[in-house]
Amino acid sequence: MEVRPIDGNILRKWCEKIIDQACHPATVQIGEVFLDKVRSMPTLTLPNEWVSAENAMPAEHKSVLCIVSGKPRPNITLEEAYQLGSWNKADGWIIDEYLDWEDADVSWWMPLPEPPEKEG
């Protein structure tokens, strides 16, 4: 049996269209049950969960993906670069690639996905 990813949003829209165009109440009911199942299925990729650093900070010392700007070194300027980093109250943002960078300007951050489960 072949396993392939599908786009749940497209499947959801298709279900909604079937329900809207259904002529028989049983078809509507089956479509709504199917749509509920589609909505509750896990996704293969995380939704876009960017968080503004102005609104919230991640848990302290937890690695996250950051969008960061500034000068980590005298001869390096980053503008909206994707970097791994963490935040803590004492030191602020710590960017993994530039540990001594003191004034990193993180505008957005996103939680990292869970690692894959080991097989067997």
Protein backbone atom coordinates (compact mmCIF):
# COMPACT_ATOMS: atom_id res chain seq x y z
CA MET A 1 0.00 0.00 0.00
CA GLU A 2 1.41 3.39 -1.01
CA VAL A 3 1.39 6.10 1.64
CA ARG A 4 1.37 9.66 0.40
CA PRO A 5 0.73 13.00 2.07
CA ILE A 6 -2.39 14.93 1.16
CA ASP A 7 -3.35 18.56 1.67
CA GLY A 8 -5.96 18.60 4.43
CA ASN A 9 -7.07 22.12 3.56
CA ILE A 10 -7.96 21.09 0.01
CA LEU A 11 -9.80 18.02 1.33
CA ARG A 12 -11.69 20.23 3.81
CA LYS A 13 -12.73 22.65 1.03
CA TRP A 14 -13.86 19.71 -1.10
CA CYS A 15 -16.01 18.40 1.78
CA GLU A 16 -17.55 21.83 2.33
CA LYS A 17 -18.41 22.07 -1.37
CA ILE A 18 -20.07 18.62 -1.34
CA ILE A 19 -22.12 19.62 1.72
CA ASP A 20 -23.17 22.93 0.15
CA GLN A 21 -24.29 21.22 -3.07
CA ALA A 22 -25.93 18.18 -1.48
CA CYS A 23 -29.60 17.61 -2.25
CA HIS A 24 -30.26 14.78 0.19
CA PRO A 25 -30.10 15.23 3.99
CA ALA A 26 -28.19 11.95 4.38
CA THR A 27 -25.48 13.23 2.04
CA VAL A 28 -25.16 16.39 4.15
CA GLN A 29 -24.93 14.34 7.34
CA ILE A 30 -22.27 12.00 5.93
CA GLY A 31 -20.35 15.00 4.57
CA GLU A 32 -20.41 16.71 7.98
CA VAL A 33 -19.16 13.55 9.74
CA PHE A 34 -16.37 13.23 7.17
CA LEU A 35 -15.51 16.92 7.53
CA ASP A 36 -15.26 16.56 11.32
CA LYS A 37 -12.84 13.66 10.83
CA VAL A 38 -10.71 15.69 8.40
CA ARG A 39 -10.54 18.61 10.86
CA SER A 40 -9.35 16.35 13.69
CA MET A 41 -6.63 14.55 11.71
CA PRO A 42 -3.01 15.36 12.58
CA THR A 43 -1.05 17.37 10.09
CA LEU A 44 2.22 16.24 8.52
CA THR A 45 3.79 19.66 8.98
CA LEU A 46 3.34 22.24 11.66
CA PRO A 47 1.08 25.14 10.86
CA ASN A 48 2.80 28.47 10.42
CA GLU A 49 3.10 29.41 14.09
CA TRP A 50 5.35 32.48 13.96
CA VAL A 51 5.10 34.51 17.17
CA SER A 52 5.98 38.19 17.31
CA ALA A 53 8.76 38.84 19.83
CA GLU A 54 6.85 42.00 20.74
CA ASN A 55 3.89 39.90 21.91
CA ALA A 56 5.48 36.90 23.63
CA MET A 57 8.76 35.17 24.41
CA PRO A 58 9.39 31.43 24.27
CA ALA A 59 10.00 29.39 27.40
CA GLU A 60 13.41 30.19 28.82
CA HIS A 61 16.38 28.22 27.42
CA LYS A 62 14.19 26.44 24.82
CA SER A 63 15.61 26.35 21.28
CA VAL A 64 13.42 28.04 18.69
CA LEU A 65 13.74 29.21 15.10
CA CYS A 66 14.23 32.99 15.04
CA ILE A 67 14.09 35.75 12.45
CA VAL A 68 16.90 38.04 13.57
CA SER A 69 18.62 41.21 12.36
CA GLY A 70 21.73 43.07 13.48
CA LYS A 71 25.52 42.84 13.55
CA PRO A 72 26.77 39.68 15.28
CA ARG A 73 30.36 40.55 14.26
CA PRO A 74 31.92 43.83 13.05
CA ASN A 75 32.13 42.56 9.47
CA ILE A 76 28.78 40.68 9.40
CA THR A 77 25.30 42.22 9.11
CA LEU A 78 22.20 40.04 9.10
CA GLU A 79 18.77 41.19 7.97
CA GLU A 80 15.84 38.94 8.78
CA ALA A 81 18.09 35.87 8.93
CA TYR A 82 16.76 32.51 10.07
CA GLN A 83 18.78 31.35 13.06
CA LEU A 84 18.38 28.93 15.95
CA GLY A 85 18.32 30.63 19.31
CA SER A 86 16.89 30.73 22.79
CA TRP A 87 15.74 33.41 25.18
CA ASN A 88 16.22 33.97 28.88
CA LYS A 89 15.50 36.85 31.26
CA ALA A 90 19.11 37.34 32.36
CA ASP A 91 20.81 37.46 28.94
CA GLY A 92 18.02 38.10 26.42
CA TRP A 93 18.30 36.34 23.07
CA ILE A 94 21.15 33.85 22.60
CA ILE A 95 21.75 33.03 18.92
CA ASP A 96 23.40 29.61 18.57
CA GLU A 97 25.72 30.53 15.70
CA TYR A 98 26.91 33.76 17.38
CA LEU A 99 27.00 33.07 21.13
CA ASP A 100 28.69 36.38 22.00
CA TRP A 101 26.13 38.51 20.07
CA GLU A 102 24.65 40.82 22.71
CA ASP A 103 22.10 42.93 20.82
CA ALA A 104 20.37 40.46 18.51
CA ASP A 105 17.11 41.97 17.24
CA VAL A 106 14.70 39.03 17.07
CA SER A 107 11.42 40.05 15.46
CA TRP A 108 9.73 36.64 15.19
CA TRP A 109 10.23 33.14 16.59
CA MET A 110 8.68 29.72 16.03
CA PRO A 111 8.78 26.48 18.06
CA LEU A 112 10.85 23.69 16.55
CA PRO A 113 9.07 20.49 15.52
CA GLU A 114 9.44 17.37 17.63
CA PRO A 115 12.15 14.99 16.39
CA PRO A 116 10.97 11.87 14.53
CA GLU A 117 10.25 8.77 16.55
CA LYS A 118 12.85 6.02 16.34
CA GLU A 119 11.75 2.99 14.36
CA GLY A 120 11.78 -0.46 15.90
